[in-house]
Amino acid sequence: MKRMLTEFGMGTSLRRGDYTEAARRAVKDALWHNSINMAELFGFPKDAMQITVEIGVQRPDQVDPDAILAVFPYGQPSVAVREGGLDIARPDGDGNPTVIANAAISVSFDMERADV
């Protein structure tokens, strides 16, 4: 596998304390920053993209990986969720924290080296 690009994103859940939604928004933030035409550029079908998704939130066990996978219309995504991101307490101390999630998305292809 040869990694061709990595994109970063950030997402939030301002009031509900929804770690999955914050993570989905972080992934969409990374994806929607640009149009990635890597598959077409190298003559691969879009399903050949190996997509590695890394999510950082304060409560990784609260993220539904299947909801993250559903964001991708093609390619072969895999999701890893680990501790990271940030929780910000409400000013009054009551209710859910504001959740901030970070995402890193890497796209790789199975490519042969041209110099061999």
Protein backbone atom coordinates (compact mmCIF):
# COMPACT_ATOMS: atom_id res chain seq x y z
CA MET A 1 0.00 0.00 0.00
CA LYS A 2 1.17 3.49 -0.82
CA ARG A 3 -0.39 6.37 1.10
CA MET A 4 -1.20 9.18 -1.30
CA LEU A 5 -2.79 11.81 0.94
CA THR A 6 -3.93 12.65 4.44
CA GLU A 7 -6.67 15.13 5.32
CA PHE A 8 -7.62 16.50 8.75
CA GLY A 9 -10.92 17.69 10.14
CA MET A 10 -12.65 18.84 13.30
CA GLY A 11 -16.27 18.39 14.35
CA THR A 12 -18.36 19.33 17.35
CA SER A 13 -21.48 18.44 19.25
CA LEU A 14 -22.29 21.71 20.95
CA ARG A 15 -25.12 20.74 23.29
CA ARG A 16 -26.03 17.06 23.06
CA GLY A 17 -22.67 15.56 24.04
CA ASP A 18 -22.94 13.24 21.00
CA TYR A 19 -19.50 11.77 20.34
CA THR A 20 -20.61 9.96 17.20
CA GLU A 21 -22.07 13.12 15.66
CA ALA A 22 -18.95 15.12 16.51
CA ALA A 23 -16.84 12.39 14.88
CA ARG A 24 -19.07 12.30 11.76
CA ARG A 25 -18.75 16.07 11.45
CA ALA A 26 -14.96 15.85 11.78
CA VAL A 27 -14.82 13.26 8.98
CA LYS A 28 -17.09 15.36 6.77
CA ASP A 29 -14.98 18.45 7.52
CA ALA A 30 -11.89 16.62 6.27
CA LEU A 31 -13.63 15.25 3.17
CA TRP A 32 -15.54 18.35 2.14
CA HIS A 33 -12.46 20.60 2.14
CA ASN A 34 -11.61 19.43 -1.35
CA SER A 35 -12.50 17.10 -4.14
CA ILE A 36 -10.11 14.16 -4.16
CA ASN A 37 -9.68 12.67 -7.63
CA MET A 38 -6.85 10.30 -6.75
CA ALA A 39 -8.51 7.18 -8.11
CA GLU A 40 -9.19 8.74 -11.50
CA LEU A 41 -5.73 10.30 -11.62
CA PHE A 42 -4.08 6.87 -11.39
CA GLY A 43 -6.69 4.99 -13.41
CA PHE A 44 -8.10 3.06 -10.42
CA PRO A 45 -11.75 2.46 -9.67
CA LYS A 46 -12.95 4.44 -6.64
CA ASP A 47 -13.52 1.18 -4.76
CA ALA A 48 -9.75 0.56 -4.86
CA MET A 49 -9.18 3.38 -2.36
CA GLN A 50 -8.02 2.09 1.02
CA ILE A 51 -9.28 4.71 3.47
CA THR A 52 -7.90 4.81 7.01
CA VAL A 53 -9.95 6.94 9.40
CA GLU A 54 -8.55 7.89 12.80
CA ILE A 55 -10.85 9.66 15.24
CA GLY A 56 -9.86 11.29 18.54
CA VAL A 57 -12.50 11.98 21.21
CA GLN A 58 -12.48 12.02 25.00
CA ARG A 59 -14.84 9.01 25.18
CA PRO A 60 -13.95 6.64 22.32
CA ASP A 61 -16.42 4.02 23.55
CA GLN A 62 -19.26 6.46 22.77
CA VAL A 63 -18.51 6.55 19.01
CA ASP A 64 -20.41 4.21 16.67
CA PRO A 65 -17.86 3.15 14.01
CA ASP A 66 -20.64 2.01 11.65
CA ALA A 67 -22.04 5.56 11.58
CA ILE A 68 -18.58 6.80 10.56
CA LEU A 69 -18.26 4.15 7.83
CA ALA A 70 -21.64 5.22 6.44
CA VAL A 71 -20.18 8.64 5.53
CA PHE A 72 -18.08 7.06 2.74
CA PRO A 73 -19.93 6.38 -0.54
CA TYR A 74 -17.07 4.30 -1.97
CA GLY A 75 -13.63 3.00 -1.16
CA GLN A 76 -12.69 0.55 1.58
CA PRO A 77 -12.75 2.54 4.82
CA SER A 78 -11.59 1.33 8.22
CA VAL A 79 -12.14 3.28 11.43
CA ALA A 80 -10.00 3.51 14.58
CA VAL A 81 -11.27 5.57 17.51
CA ARG A 82 -8.93 6.57 20.30
CA GLU A 83 -8.73 9.01 23.15
CA GLY A 84 -8.16 12.58 22.02
CA GLY A 85 -10.25 15.58 21.12
CA LEU A 86 -11.62 17.79 23.85
CA ASP A 87 -14.64 18.07 26.13
CA ILE A 88 -15.55 21.57 27.30
CA ALA A 89 -17.78 21.83 30.37
CA ARG A 90 -20.90 23.98 30.18
CA PRO A 91 -20.44 27.39 31.86
CA ASP A 92 -23.09 26.56 34.44
CA GLY A 93 -21.61 23.10 35.07
CA ASP A 94 -24.89 21.36 34.16
CA GLY A 95 -25.70 19.20 31.16
CA ASN A 96 -23.54 17.67 28.49
CA PRO A 97 -20.14 19.07 27.61
CA THR A 98 -19.36 20.53 24.22
CA VAL A 99 -17.58 17.69 22.42
CA ILE A 100 -14.76 18.34 19.96
CA ALA A 101 -13.60 15.45 17.75
CA ASN A 102 -10.55 15.36 15.49
CA ALA A 103 -10.24 13.20 12.40
CA ALA A 104 -7.37 12.17 10.15
CA ILE A 105 -8.23 10.45 6.88
CA SER A 106 -5.55 8.75 4.80
CA VAL A 107 -6.10 7.38 1.29
CA SER A 108 -3.84 4.62 -0.01
CA PHE A 109 -3.65 2.44 -3.11
CA ASP A 110 -2.03 -0.88 -3.83
CA MET A 111 0.58 0.34 -6.32
CA GLU A 112 3.68 -1.14 -7.89
CA ARG A 113 6.89 0.83 -7.66
CA ALA A 114 7.95 2.30 -10.98
CA ASP A 115 11.68 2.14 -10.17
CA VAL A 116 12.00 -1.66 -9.85
